[in-house]
């Protein structure tokens, strides 16, 4: 960012107390400013027509037009990085996942108290800076949504073919993702047959929303997808998404692979951490493991992917062209952790070949 230039944030929220609190937090930062706010999408359009924001902080439940409808219009007419500012109520959480599928960069849970919630202050500023960092690549999020949405008939047909028998998996596919990963994971899982090896997934996402993300994958794919719970035995045709409050670890138990979770400090700025999962798969599965590192900011997963490679696993990084953010895959490539670099379609075909 050039000297003196600030990230211009537009907040669209009908709760005046929340707007005032967020304005105070943002305007304390040297690199950003809440230059405008709107209590509903129609007023937001008037603001955008005069001056385009760098990032939009968008509530879901608002008068006159809901946030999801407004998000669709933004992405079709004025693509701007959007951070969803969502309540963690059941409907709000489910809609927040839909927002990610429509092209929102991330979700920020709306806490009951904002003023003295310093953990939230950090999450807010980090989310806005990360959203600004992908400003020039926001079109890829929209393109990914379009690709995911195009093949609905195929997806629903495949989803009806879910396997019901419990068949322990001999191989384990471990996938890590961050920014842009929700769309990439939908694109991949929605196109897999129901007999693939068991899959374990870390997607950087607040803990309030991972159950809804797992359910959205379960509803659209031929796989059985669950949020992680300790003691789950990994089966063929099954995918387990890490609970956003905990690290996820895979352990071997006789001939089975068992999922477990544990609390602990953040690793590489994240909990759950891709590195934690990948390191456990390296230890428990060895050459029966497959590691795939998808789009995301930072370097979480790179060292864990290298551990998997050294343990005999086959390792893959997503290519730059199909990544929304090339940070995590690029970090893995730089340390020679990835045996192959693939786009999403090549990753799908590779996983199918493992059936």
Foldseek 3Di string as FASTA:
>chain_A
DDPPEAQEEEEAAQDVVVVVLVQVLQVVDSRYHPPYYHPHLVVVVVVCVVPNGQEYEYEADGPPDGRQVSLLVCCVPPQHAYEYAFELPPVRLLVQLVSQLQQHFAYQHHDPDRNPPVVSSVVVVVSSVVSSVLGVLSVLSNVLSCLLPPPQVQQQVQQVQADDDFAFFLFEEEEEEEGSVLSLVSNQQSPAHQFFGFYEYEYQHALSRQQSSQVVSSNRGNANGGEDAFFDWTGGSYYYYYRQQWAWAWADDPSTITIHTDHDDADQNGVNFLLRHLQRCLVHNQLSYEYEYAADAAATNQVSLQSNVVSNHAYEYEDPVSHSHCHHSVSNVVVVSHPYYYHSVVVSVVSNVND
